[in-house]
Amino acid sequence: MEKVLVIVGPTGVGKTNLSIQLAKQYDGEIISGDSMQIYQEMSIGTAKIKEDEKQGIPHYLVDEYHFDEEYNVKIFQQKARDYIHAINAKKKLAMIVGGTGLYVKSVIYDYQFLEQKEDTEFLTYLKKRSNDELWSLLKIVDTKACENIHHNNRQRIIRALSMAHDGIKKSEVIACQDHKPVYDAFIIGLTMERDALYERINQRVDQMMEEGLFEEINELVTTHENVWQLQSFQGIGYKEWKAYFEKQCPKEACIEQIKKNSRNFAKRQYTWFRNQMKVHWYDIEDASYQEQLRKDVESWLHQ
């Protein structure tokens, strides 16, 4: 089995910094396991690593798609596996770093995707519905699927509704997925005290604003049509601005909503990773965590 070092954890916990340290120490190359950092022109709101922060470490699945192109977990799975094979072929350590749980899981486990015939008429009907309408429909046809899909994730909700339209419940398909690993993966999970993490998240959003998040959004909104319907604009840090540009709330309210959504997302990430994957957790507030982490990684590398 090919080896893959994985770093997961909630937004803002410090995955990027640790990944660079480990990549330099163990001759690694990094694949982004984030569903948003793939998009060009969307850097500040996705907390994308800056060029100087990479310190010469190759990064993949970052800035590879235009923000109006389709990108989903199935595409990610294939591309990430291709990169893992290529990195290992160079005798380097393949690393996946990110907080999009399903994306990471789809790569390291034997996760299968159903092939469906596209019902164009039904898809057109769904795409005309609002997020709230789609969510209400999903609660009717597959209540359990709602437990694992955010109510504003249009793409995943439409996918689940399309499956239900074909007589297949997404929740039942997920329950039947084989959790057999396809790589020798060591999964590092970073954690910290909740209130401290939430404060870090709040500060990070403030820093994004200082770095030009509003200007980034304004440029995209004013130079492209119908951005609010794009999958890329359903991400936290972007979707919240729709109310501002439609003159429904002030800028300050959007910023507070980003902070709130980011904190809630971090909570969901913890729950997801704890329930879905075999993660080795490390408390970054423990002074000895890096020493123990490196011992564990080196033990795994030499197995």
C-alpha atoms as a PDB file:
ATOM      1  CA  MET A   1       0.000   0.000   0.000  1.00  0.00           C
ATOM      2  CA  GLU A   2       1.183   3.515  -0.794  1.00  0.00           C
ATOM      3  CA  LYS A   3       1.712   5.718   2.248  1.00  0.00           C
ATOM      4  CA  VAL A   4      -0.204   8.965   2.757  1.00  0.00           C
ATOM      5  CA  LEU A   5       0.181  11.368   5.674  1.00  0.00           C
ATOM      6  CA  VAL A   6      -3.078  13.208   6.363  1.00  0.00           C
ATOM      7  CA  ILE A   7      -3.615  16.308   8.508  1.00  0.00           C
ATOM      8  CA  VAL A   8      -7.193  17.217   9.430  1.00  0.00           C
ATOM      9  CA  GLY A   9      -8.930  19.369  11.994  1.00  0.00           C
ATOM     10  CA  PRO A  10     -11.244  22.354  12.277  1.00  0.00           C
ATOM     11  CA  THR A  11     -10.758  25.593  10.436  1.00  0.00           C
ATOM     12  CA  GLY A  12      -8.161  27.855  12.043  1.00  0.00           C
ATOM     13  CA  VAL A  13      -6.448  25.229  14.199  1.00  0.00           C
ATOM     14  CA  GLY A  14      -3.054  25.420  12.461  1.00  0.00           C
ATOM     15  CA  LYS A  15      -3.008  22.636   9.856  1.00  0.00           C
ATOM     16  CA  THR A  16      -1.117  24.688   7.278  1.00  0.00           C
ATOM     17  CA  ASN A  17       1.839  25.568   9.518  1.00  0.00           C
ATOM     18  CA  LEU A  18       2.235  21.997  10.718  1.00  0.00           C
ATOM     19  CA  SER A  19       2.010  20.644   7.168  1.00  0.00           C
ATOM     20  CA  ILE A  20       4.933  22.804   6.021  1.00  0.00           C
ATOM     21  CA  GLN A  21       7.056  21.712   8.993  1.00  0.00           C
ATOM     22  CA  LEU A  22       6.376  18.023   8.349  1.00  0.00           C
ATOM     23  CA  ALA A  23       6.798  18.321   4.575  1.00  0.00           C
ATOM     24  CA  LYS A  24      10.239  19.871   5.068  1.00  0.00           C
ATOM     25  CA  GLN A  25      11.255  17.277   7.646  1.00  0.00           C
ATOM     26  CA  TYR A  26      10.025  14.206   5.754  1.00  0.00           C
ATOM     27  CA  ASP A  27      10.473  15.354   2.130  1.00  0.00           C
ATOM     28  CA  GLY A  28       6.757  15.666   1.496  1.00  0.00           C
ATOM     29  CA  GLU A  29       4.540  17.231  -1.147  1.00  0.00           C
ATOM     30  CA  ILE A  30       1.096  18.540  -0.243  1.00  0.00           C
ATOM     31  CA  ILE A  31      -2.335  17.907  -1.756  1.00  0.00           C
ATOM     32  CA  SER A  32      -5.024  20.314  -0.584  1.00  0.00           C
ATOM     33  CA  GLY A  33      -7.997  18.495   0.923  1.00  0.00           C
ATOM     34  CA  ASP A  34     -10.050  21.678   0.938  1.00  0.00           C
ATOM     35  CA  SER A  35     -13.060  22.008  -1.353  1.00  0.00           C
ATOM     36  CA  MET A  36     -12.581  25.770  -1.822  1.00  0.00           C
ATOM     37  CA  GLN A  37      -8.846  26.352  -2.270  1.00  0.00           C
ATOM     38  CA  ILE A  38      -9.028  24.822  -5.746  1.00  0.00           C
ATOM     39  CA  TYR A  39     -10.598  28.039  -7.086  1.00  0.00           C
ATOM     40  CA  GLN A  40      -8.599  30.814  -8.728  1.00  0.00           C
ATOM     41  CA  GLU A  41      -9.400  34.408  -7.743  1.00  0.00           C
ATOM     42  CA  MET A  42     -10.721  33.253  -4.353  1.00  0.00           C
ATOM     43  CA  SER A  43      -7.715  33.390  -2.044  1.00  0.00           C
ATOM     44  CA  ILE A  44      -8.440  35.486   1.022  1.00  0.00           C
ATOM     45  CA  GLY A  45     -11.815  33.994   1.938  1.00  0.00           C
ATOM     46  CA  THR A  46     -10.487  30.453   1.515  1.00  0.00           C
ATOM     47  CA  ALA A  47      -7.418  31.145   3.703  1.00  0.00           C
ATOM     48  CA  LYS A  48      -5.283  29.907   0.831  1.00  0.00           C
ATOM     49  CA  ILE A  49      -1.598  29.448   1.598  1.00  0.00           C
ATOM     50  CA  LYS A  50       0.529  32.304   0.265  1.00  0.00           C
ATOM     51  CA  GLU A  51       3.431  31.620  -2.077  1.00  0.00           C
ATOM     52  CA  ASP A  52       6.107  32.611   0.448  1.00  0.00           C
ATOM     53  CA  GLU A  53       4.462  30.448   3.129  1.00  0.00           C
ATOM     54  CA  LYS A  54       4.899  27.341   0.958  1.00  0.00           C
ATOM     55  CA  GLN A  55       8.674  27.570   1.505  1.00  0.00           C
ATOM     56  CA  GLY A  56       9.276  25.758  -1.760  1.00  0.00           C
ATOM     57  CA  ILE A  57       6.986  22.813  -0.935  1.00  0.00           C
ATOM     58  CA  PRO A  58       4.919  21.749  -3.994  1.00  0.00           C
ATOM     59  CA  HIS A  59       1.164  22.119  -3.492  1.00  0.00           C
ATOM     60  CA  TYR A  60      -1.518  20.455  -5.597  1.00  0.00           C
ATOM     61  CA  LEU A  61      -5.265  21.090  -6.037  1.00  0.00           C
ATOM     62  CA  VAL A  62      -4.740  24.755  -5.229  1.00  0.00           C
ATOM     63  CA  ASP A  63      -5.668  27.366  -7.865  1.00  0.00           C
ATOM     64  CA  GLU A  64      -6.332  24.690 -10.493  1.00  0.00           C
ATOM     65  CA  TYR A  65      -9.942  25.577 -11.406  1.00  0.00           C
ATOM     66  CA  HIS A  66     -11.604  28.841 -12.384  1.00  0.00           C
ATOM     67  CA  PHE A  67     -14.212  29.786  -9.796  1.00  0.00           C
ATOM     68  CA  ASP A  68     -17.113  29.189 -12.202  1.00  0.00           C
ATOM     69  CA  GLU A  69     -16.021  25.636 -13.111  1.00  0.00           C
ATOM     70  CA  GLU A  70     -17.631  22.530 -11.646  1.00  0.00           C
ATOM     71  CA  TYR A  71     -15.615  20.827  -8.919  1.00  0.00           C
ATOM     72  CA  ASN A  72     -16.875  18.089  -6.645  1.00  0.00           C
ATOM     73  CA  VAL A  73     -15.798  15.202  -4.463  1.00  0.00           C
ATOM     74  CA  LYS A  74     -15.720  12.733  -7.353  1.00  0.00           C
ATOM     75  CA  ILE A  75     -13.334  14.931  -9.344  1.00  0.00           C
ATOM     76  CA  PHE A  76     -11.246  15.471  -6.217  1.00  0.00           C
ATOM     77  CA  GLN A  77     -10.994  11.744  -5.503  1.00  0.00           C
ATOM     78  CA  GLN A  78      -9.557  10.949  -8.921  1.00  0.00           C
ATOM     79  CA  LYS A  79      -7.170  13.894  -9.044  1.00  0.00           C
ATOM     80  CA  ALA A  80      -5.917  13.381  -5.491  1.00  0.00           C
ATOM     81  CA  ARG A  81      -5.255   9.688  -6.118  1.00  0.00           C
ATOM     82  CA  ASP A  82      -3.355  10.545  -9.309  1.00  0.00           C
ATOM     83  CA  TYR A  83      -1.212  13.011  -7.370  1.00  0.00           C
ATOM     84  CA  ILE A  84      -0.585  10.511  -4.563  1.00  0.00           C
ATOM     85  CA  HIS A  85       0.683   7.967  -7.075  1.00  0.00           C
ATOM     86  CA  ALA A  86       2.890  10.549  -8.810  1.00  0.00           C
ATOM     87  CA  ILE A  87       4.363  11.806  -5.520  1.00  0.00           C
ATOM     88  CA  ASN A  88       5.115   8.301  -4.281  1.00  0.00           C
ATOM     89  CA  ALA A  89       6.712   7.476  -7.645  1.00  0.00           C
ATOM     90  CA  LYS A  90       9.221  10.269  -6.933  1.00  0.00           C
ATOM     91  CA  LYS A  91      10.017   8.642  -3.566  1.00  0.00           C
ATOM     92  CA  LYS A  92       8.452  11.606  -1.776  1.00  0.00           C
ATOM     93  CA  LEU A  93       5.898  11.543   1.042  1.00  0.00           C
ATOM     94  CA  ALA A  94       2.365  12.275  -0.187  1.00  0.00           C
ATOM     95  CA  MET A  95       0.424  14.483   2.218  1.00  0.00           C
ATOM     96  CA  ILE A  96      -3.241  15.525   2.238  1.00  0.00           C
ATOM     97  CA  VAL A  97      -4.059  18.615   4.290  1.00  0.00           C
ATOM     98  CA  GLY A  98      -7.539  20.031   4.751  1.00  0.00           C
ATOM     99  CA  GLY A  99     -10.788  20.213   6.607  1.00  0.00           C
ATOM    100  CA  THR A 100     -13.325  18.998   4.037  1.00  0.00           C
ATOM    101  CA  GLY A 101     -14.040  15.636   5.627  1.00  0.00           C
ATOM    102  CA  LEU A 102     -15.869  13.859   2.828  1.00  0.00           C
ATOM    103  CA  TYR A 103     -13.181  14.830   0.324  1.00  0.00           C
ATOM    104  CA  VAL A 104     -10.424  13.334   2.470  1.00  0.00           C
ATOM    105  CA  LYS A 105     -12.445  10.225   3.280  1.00  0.00           C
ATOM    106  CA  SER A 106     -13.291   9.606  -0.380  1.00  0.00           C
ATOM    107  CA  VAL A 107      -9.592   9.330  -1.204  1.00  0.00           C
ATOM    108  CA  ILE A 108      -8.179   7.177   1.557  1.00  0.00           C
ATOM    109  CA  TYR A 109     -11.104   4.742   1.791  1.00  0.00           C
ATOM    110  CA  ASP A 110     -12.788   2.595  -0.851  1.00  0.00           C
ATOM    111  CA  TYR A 111     -15.495   5.185  -1.445  1.00  0.00           C
ATOM    112  CA  GLN A 112     -17.710   4.458  -4.468  1.00  0.00           C
ATOM    113  CA  PHE A 113     -19.842   6.859  -6.491  1.00  0.00           C
ATOM    114  CA  LEU A 114     -23.089   5.842  -8.142  1.00  0.00           C
ATOM    115  CA  GLU A 115     -23.436   6.482 -11.847  1.00  0.00           C
ATOM    116  CA  GLN A 116     -26.754   8.189 -12.560  1.00  0.00           C
ATOM    117  CA  LYS A 117     -28.568   9.111 -15.724  1.00  0.00           C
ATOM    118  CA  GLU A 118     -29.085  12.848 -15.802  1.00  0.00           C
ATOM    119  CA  ASP A 119     -32.706  13.961 -15.820  1.00  0.00           C
ATOM    120  CA  THR A 120     -32.268  17.397 -17.399  1.00  0.00           C
ATOM    121  CA  GLU A 121     -35.844  18.490 -16.799  1.00  0.00           C
ATOM    122  CA  PHE A 122     -35.741  17.589 -13.093  1.00  0.00           C
ATOM    123  CA  LEU A 123     -32.333  19.258 -12.642  1.00  0.00           C
ATOM    124  CA  THR A 124     -33.636  22.430 -14.263  1.00  0.00           C
ATOM    125  CA  TYR A 125     -36.569  22.388 -11.845  1.00  0.00           C
ATOM    126  CA  LEU A 126     -34.243  21.988  -8.852  1.00  0.00           C
ATOM    127  CA  LYS A 127     -31.836  24.714  -9.954  1.00  0.00           C
ATOM    128  CA  LYS A 128     -34.707  27.212 -10.036  1.00  0.00           C
ATOM    129  CA  ARG A 129     -35.541  26.527  -6.386  1.00  0.00           C
ATOM    130  CA  SER A 130     -34.090  28.535  -3.496  1.00  0.00           C
ATOM    131  CA  ASN A 131     -31.811  26.956  -0.894  1.00  0.00           C
ATOM    132  CA  ASP A 132     -34.678  26.851   1.611  1.00  0.00           C
ATOM    133  CA  GLU A 133     -36.990  25.163  -0.894  1.00  0.00           C
ATOM    134  CA  LEU A 134     -34.372  22.542  -1.745  1.00  0.00           C
ATOM    135  CA  TRP A 135     -33.735  21.876   1.941  1.00  0.00           C
ATOM    136  CA  SER A 136     -37.460  21.436   2.610  1.00  0.00           C
ATOM    137  CA  LEU A 137     -37.710  18.940  -0.248  1.00  0.00           C
ATOM    138  CA  LEU A 138     -34.763  16.926   1.053  1.00  0.00           C
ATOM    139  CA  LYS A 139     -36.271  16.777   4.556  1.00  0.00           C
ATOM    140  CA  ILE A 140     -39.329  15.175   2.995  1.00  0.00           C
ATOM    141  CA  VAL A 141     -37.632  12.583   0.767  1.00  0.00           C
ATOM    142  CA  ASP A 142     -34.485  11.711   2.772  1.00  0.00           C
ATOM    143  CA  THR A 143     -34.504  13.110   6.307  1.00  0.00           C
ATOM    144  CA  LYS A 144     -31.385  11.219   7.360  1.00  0.00           C
ATOM    145  CA  ALA A 145     -29.332  12.731   4.542  1.00  0.00           C
ATOM    146  CA  CYS A 146     -29.957  16.141   6.118  1.00  0.00           C
ATOM    147  CA  GLU A 147     -27.764  15.128   9.060  1.00  0.00           C
ATOM    148  CA  ASN A 148     -24.653  15.161   6.855  1.00  0.00           C
ATOM    149  CA  ILE A 149     -25.411  17.999   4.429  1.00  0.00           C
ATOM    150  CA  HIS A 150     -25.341  21.703   5.240  1.00  0.00           C
ATOM    151  CA  HIS A 151     -28.633  23.382   4.390  1.00  0.00           C
ATOM    152  CA  ASN A 152     -26.906  25.878   2.068  1.00  0.00           C
ATOM    153  CA  ASN A 153     -24.827  23.335   0.143  1.00  0.00           C
ATOM    154  CA  ARG A 154     -26.873  23.480  -3.070  1.00  0.00           C
ATOM    155  CA  GLN A 155     -24.734  21.027  -5.004  1.00  0.00           C
ATOM    156  CA  ARG A 156     -24.938  18.238  -2.436  1.00  0.00           C
ATOM    157  CA  ILE A 157     -28.654  18.806  -1.798  1.00  0.00           C
ATOM    158  CA  ILE A 158     -29.427  18.700  -5.516  1.00  0.00           C
ATOM    159  CA  ARG A 159     -27.348  15.531  -5.813  1.00  0.00           C
ATOM    160  CA  ALA A 160     -29.296  13.907  -2.954  1.00  0.00           C
ATOM    161  CA  LEU A 161     -32.634  14.981  -4.442  1.00  0.00           C
ATOM    162  CA  SER A 162     -31.620  13.621  -7.852  1.00  0.00           C
ATOM    163  CA  MET A 163     -30.779  10.282  -6.250  1.00  0.00           C
ATOM    164  CA  ALA A 164     -34.119  10.244  -4.435  1.00  0.00           C
ATOM    165  CA  HIS A 165     -35.819  11.041  -7.741  1.00  0.00           C
ATOM    166  CA  ASP A 166     -34.216   7.850  -9.091  1.00  0.00           C
ATOM    167  CA  GLY A 167     -35.474   5.858  -6.101  1.00  0.00           C
ATOM    168  CA  ILE A 168     -32.144   5.855  -4.248  1.00  0.00           C
ATOM    169  CA  LYS A 169     -31.628   7.382  -0.802  1.00  0.00           C
ATOM    170  CA  LYS A 170     -28.246   9.078  -0.435  1.00  0.00           C
ATOM    171  CA  SER A 171     -28.216   8.285   3.295  1.00  0.00           C
ATOM    172  CA  GLU A 172     -28.583   4.557   2.561  1.00  0.00           C
ATOM    173  CA  VAL A 173     -25.805   4.636  -0.037  1.00  0.00           C
ATOM    174  CA  ILE A 174     -23.450   6.293   2.458  1.00  0.00           C
ATOM    175  CA  ALA A 175     -24.348   3.751   5.147  1.00  0.00           C
ATOM    176  CA  CYS A 176     -23.387   0.917   2.797  1.00  0.00           C
ATOM    177  CA  GLN A 177     -20.023   2.399   1.792  1.00  0.00           C
ATOM    178  CA  ASP A 178     -17.020   0.183   2.416  1.00  0.00           C
ATOM    179  CA  HIS A 179     -14.680   1.776   4.967  1.00  0.00           C
ATOM    180  CA  LYS A 180     -11.758  -0.354   3.825  1.00  0.00           C
ATOM    181  CA  PRO A 181      -8.631   1.829   3.449  1.00  0.00           C
ATOM    182  CA  VAL A 182      -6.929   1.887   0.059  1.00  0.00           C
ATOM    183  CA  TYR A 183      -3.758   3.549   1.404  1.00  0.00           C
ATOM    184  CA  ASP A 184      -1.494   3.097   4.391  1.00  0.00           C
ATOM    185  CA  ALA A 185      -2.630   6.399   5.866  1.00  0.00           C
ATOM    186  CA  PHE A 186      -1.628   8.020   9.133  1.00  0.00           C
ATOM    187  CA  ILE A 187      -4.249  10.624  10.004  1.00  0.00           C
ATOM    188  CA  ILE A 188      -3.212  13.487  12.271  1.00  0.00           C
ATOM    189  CA  GLY A 189      -6.018  15.486  13.860  1.00  0.00           C
ATOM    190  CA  LEU A 190      -5.311  18.829  15.515  1.00  0.00           C
ATOM    191  CA  THR A 191      -7.470  20.025  18.368  1.00  0.00           C
ATOM    192  CA  MET A 192      -7.533  22.751  20.998  1.00  0.00           C
ATOM    193  CA  GLU A 193      -9.816  24.118  23.696  1.00  0.00           C
ATOM    194  CA  ARG A 194     -13.077  25.265  22.125  1.00  0.00           C
ATOM    195  CA  ASP A 195     -13.208  28.861  23.364  1.00  0.00           C
ATOM    196  CA  ALA A 196      -9.581  29.410  22.348  1.00  0.00           C
ATOM    197  CA  LEU A 197     -10.316  28.017  18.886  1.00  0.00           C
ATOM    198  CA  TYR A 198     -13.376  30.226  18.511  1.00  0.00           C
ATOM    199  CA  GLU A 199     -11.344  33.294  19.441  1.00  0.00           C
ATOM    200  CA  ARG A 200      -8.697  32.286  16.910  1.00  0.00           C
ATOM    201  CA  ILE A 201     -11.406  31.934  14.244  1.00  0.00           C
ATOM    202  CA  ASN A 202     -12.793  35.395  15.051  1.00  0.00           C
ATOM    203  CA  GLN A 203      -9.320  36.909  14.791  1.00  0.00           C
ATOM    204  CA  ARG A 204      -8.698  35.136  11.499  1.00  0.00           C
ATOM    205  CA  VAL A 205     -11.847  36.634   9.978  1.00  0.00           C
ATOM    206  CA  ASP A 206     -10.737  40.092  11.144  1.00  0.00           C
ATOM    207  CA  GLN A 207      -7.354  39.456   9.525  1.00  0.00           C
ATOM    208  CA  MET A 208      -9.061  38.425   6.275  1.00  0.00           C
ATOM    209  CA  MET A 209     -10.882  41.751   6.248  1.00  0.00           C
ATOM    210  CA  GLU A 210      -7.595  43.598   6.784  1.00  0.00           C
ATOM    211  CA  GLU A 211      -6.040  41.639   3.909  1.00  0.00           C
ATOM    212  CA  GLY A 212      -8.846  42.652   1.541  1.00  0.00           C
ATOM    213  CA  LEU A 213     -11.640  40.076   1.734  1.00  0.00           C
ATOM    214  CA  PHE A 214     -14.315  42.652   0.930  1.00  0.00           C
ATOM    215  CA  GLU A 215     -12.335  43.932  -2.058  1.00  0.00           C
ATOM    216  CA  GLU A 216     -11.894  40.352  -3.310  1.00  0.00           C
ATOM    217  CA  ILE A 217     -15.640  39.718  -3.100  1.00  0.00           C
ATOM    218  CA  ASN A 218     -16.532  43.079  -4.621  1.00  0.00           C
ATOM    219  CA  GLU A 219     -14.287  42.450  -7.623  1.00  0.00           C
ATOM    220  CA  LEU A 220     -15.895  39.073  -8.331  1.00  0.00           C
ATOM    221  CA  VAL A 221     -19.457  40.291  -7.815  1.00  0.00           C
ATOM    222  CA  THR A 222     -19.126  43.413  -9.941  1.00  0.00           C
ATOM    223  CA  THR A 223     -17.261  41.811 -12.858  1.00  0.00           C
ATOM    224  CA  HIS A 224     -19.170  38.522 -13.200  1.00  0.00           C
ATOM    225  CA  GLU A 225     -22.876  37.720 -13.495  1.00  0.00           C
ATOM    226  CA  ASN A 226     -24.917  35.425 -11.228  1.00  0.00           C
ATOM    227  CA  VAL A 227     -22.026  34.554  -8.911  1.00  0.00           C
ATOM    228  CA  TRP A 228     -24.398  33.716  -6.052  1.00  0.00           C
ATOM    229  CA  GLN A 229     -25.601  30.633  -7.940  1.00  0.00           C
ATOM    230  CA  LEU A 230     -22.081  29.230  -8.354  1.00  0.00           C
ATOM    231  CA  GLN A 231     -20.931  26.342  -6.182  1.00  0.00           C
ATOM    232  CA  SER A 232     -17.792  28.290  -5.293  1.00  0.00           C
ATOM    233  CA  PHE A 233     -19.916  31.035  -3.753  1.00  0.00           C
ATOM    234  CA  GLN A 234     -21.642  28.639  -1.352  1.00  0.00           C
ATOM    235  CA  GLY A 235     -18.500  28.528   0.788  1.00  0.00           C
ATOM    236  CA  ILE A 236     -18.189  30.273   4.153  1.00  0.00           C
ATOM    237  CA  GLY A 237     -16.642  33.696   3.708  1.00  0.00           C
ATOM    238  CA  TYR A 238     -18.419  34.260   0.401  1.00  0.00           C
ATOM    239  CA  LYS A 239     -22.097  33.314   0.657  1.00  0.00           C
ATOM    240  CA  GLU A 240     -22.653  35.652   3.610  1.00  0.00           C
ATOM    241  CA  TRP A 241     -22.021  38.706   1.417  1.00  0.00           C
ATOM    242  CA  LYS A 242     -25.088  38.142  -0.743  1.00  0.00           C
ATOM    243  CA  ALA A 243     -27.277  39.941   1.804  1.00  0.00           C
ATOM    244  CA  TYR A 244     -24.952  42.953   1.759  1.00  0.00           C
ATOM    245  CA  PHE A 245     -24.889  43.260  -2.025  1.00  0.00           C
ATOM    246  CA  GLU A 246     -28.660  42.910  -2.120  1.00  0.00           C
ATOM    247  CA  LYS A 247     -28.846  45.744   0.433  1.00  0.00           C
ATOM    248  CA  GLN A 248     -30.406  43.556   3.119  1.00  0.00           C
ATOM    249  CA  CYS A 249     -27.801  44.093   5.846  1.00  0.00           C
ATOM    250  CA  PRO A 250     -24.720  46.209   6.661  1.00  0.00           C
ATOM    251  CA  LYS A 251     -21.150  45.059   6.120  1.00  0.00           C
ATOM    252  CA  GLU A 252     -20.587  44.534   9.857  1.00  0.00           C
ATOM    253  CA  ALA A 253     -23.467  42.046  10.026  1.00  0.00           C
ATOM    254  CA  CYS A 254     -21.920  40.008   7.200  1.00  0.00           C
ATOM    255  CA  ILE A 255     -18.600  39.864   9.036  1.00  0.00           C
ATOM    256  CA  GLU A 256     -20.288  38.651  12.219  1.00  0.00           C
ATOM    257  CA  GLN A 257     -22.192  36.024  10.226  1.00  0.00           C
ATOM    258  CA  ILE A 258     -18.934  34.741   8.724  1.00  0.00           C
ATOM    259  CA  LYS A 259     -17.509  34.386  12.230  1.00  0.00           C
ATOM    260  CA  LYS A 260     -20.608  32.570  13.455  1.00  0.00           C
ATOM    261  CA  ASN A 261     -20.729  30.224  10.452  1.00  0.00           C
ATOM    262  CA  SER A 262     -17.002  29.502  10.782  1.00  0.00           C
ATOM    263  CA  ARG A 263     -17.378  28.594  14.465  1.00  0.00           C
ATOM    264  CA  ASN A 264     -20.351  26.333  13.727  1.00  0.00           C
ATOM    265  CA  PHE A 265     -18.434  24.698  10.882  1.00  0.00           C
ATOM    266  CA  ALA A 266     -15.488  24.001  13.193  1.00  0.00           C
ATOM    267  CA  LYS A 267     -17.837  22.258  15.618  1.00  0.00           C
ATOM    268  CA  ARG A 268     -19.266  20.104  12.810  1.00  0.00           C
ATOM    269  CA  GLN A 269     -15.763  19.269  11.580  1.00  0.00           C
ATOM    270  CA  TYR A 270     -14.770  17.895  14.985  1.00  0.00           C
ATOM    271  CA  THR A 271     -17.872  15.721  15.123  1.00  0.00           C
ATOM    272  CA  TRP A 272     -17.423  14.466  11.578  1.00  0.00           C
ATOM    273  CA  PHE A 273     -13.759  13.506  11.893  1.00  0.00           C
ATOM    274  CA  ARG A 274     -14.298  11.802  15.237  1.00  0.00           C
ATOM    275  CA  ASN A 275     -17.118   9.674  13.831  1.00  0.00           C
ATOM    276  CA  GLN A 276     -15.955   8.971  10.297  1.00  0.00           C
ATOM    277  CA  MET A 277     -12.213   8.251  10.332  1.00  0.00           C
ATOM    278  CA  LYS A 278      -9.486   6.731  12.473  1.00  0.00           C
ATOM    279  CA  VAL A 279      -7.741   9.903  13.597  1.00  0.00           C
ATOM    280  CA  HIS A 280      -4.756  10.307  15.938  1.00  0.00           C
ATOM    281  CA  TRP A 281      -5.628  13.460  17.872  1.00  0.00           C
ATOM    282  CA  TYR A 282      -3.083  15.969  19.206  1.00  0.00           C
ATOM    283  CA  ASP A 283      -3.877  18.938  21.432  1.00  0.00           C
ATOM    284  CA  ILE A 284      -1.828  21.855  20.102  1.00  0.00           C
ATOM    285  CA  GLU A 285      -1.972  23.523  23.539  1.00  0.00           C
ATOM    286  CA  ASP A 286       0.026  20.610  24.983  1.00  0.00           C
ATOM    287  CA  ALA A 287       3.678  21.689  25.027  1.00  0.00           C
ATOM    288  CA  SER A 288       4.869  18.181  24.139  1.00  0.00           C
ATOM    289  CA  TYR A 289       2.426  17.490  21.303  1.00  0.00           C
ATOM    290  CA  GLN A 290       4.903  18.043  18.455  1.00  0.00           C
ATOM    291  CA  GLU A 291       7.455  15.713  20.016  1.00  0.00           C
ATOM    292  CA  GLN A 292       4.860  12.943  20.426  1.00  0.00           C
ATOM    293  CA  LEU A 293       3.441  13.568  16.966  1.00  0.00           C
ATOM    294  CA  ARG A 294       6.846  13.190  15.320  1.00  0.00           C
ATOM    295  CA  LYS A 295       7.549   9.988  17.227  1.00  0.00           C
ATOM    296  CA  ASP A 296       4.241   8.572  16.003  1.00  0.00           C
ATOM    297  CA  VAL A 297       4.839   9.651  12.398  1.00  0.00           C
ATOM    298  CA  GLU A 298       8.348   8.196  12.333  1.00  0.00           C
ATOM    299  CA  SER A 299       7.106   4.932  13.819  1.00  0.00           C
ATOM    300  CA  TRP A 300       4.471   4.747  11.063  1.00  0.00           C
ATOM    301  CA  LEU A 301       6.971   5.643   8.316  1.00  0.00           C
ATOM    302  CA  HIS A 302       9.270   2.799   9.332  1.00  0.00           C
ATOM    303  CA  GLN A 303       6.593   0.119   9.588  1.00  0.00           C
END
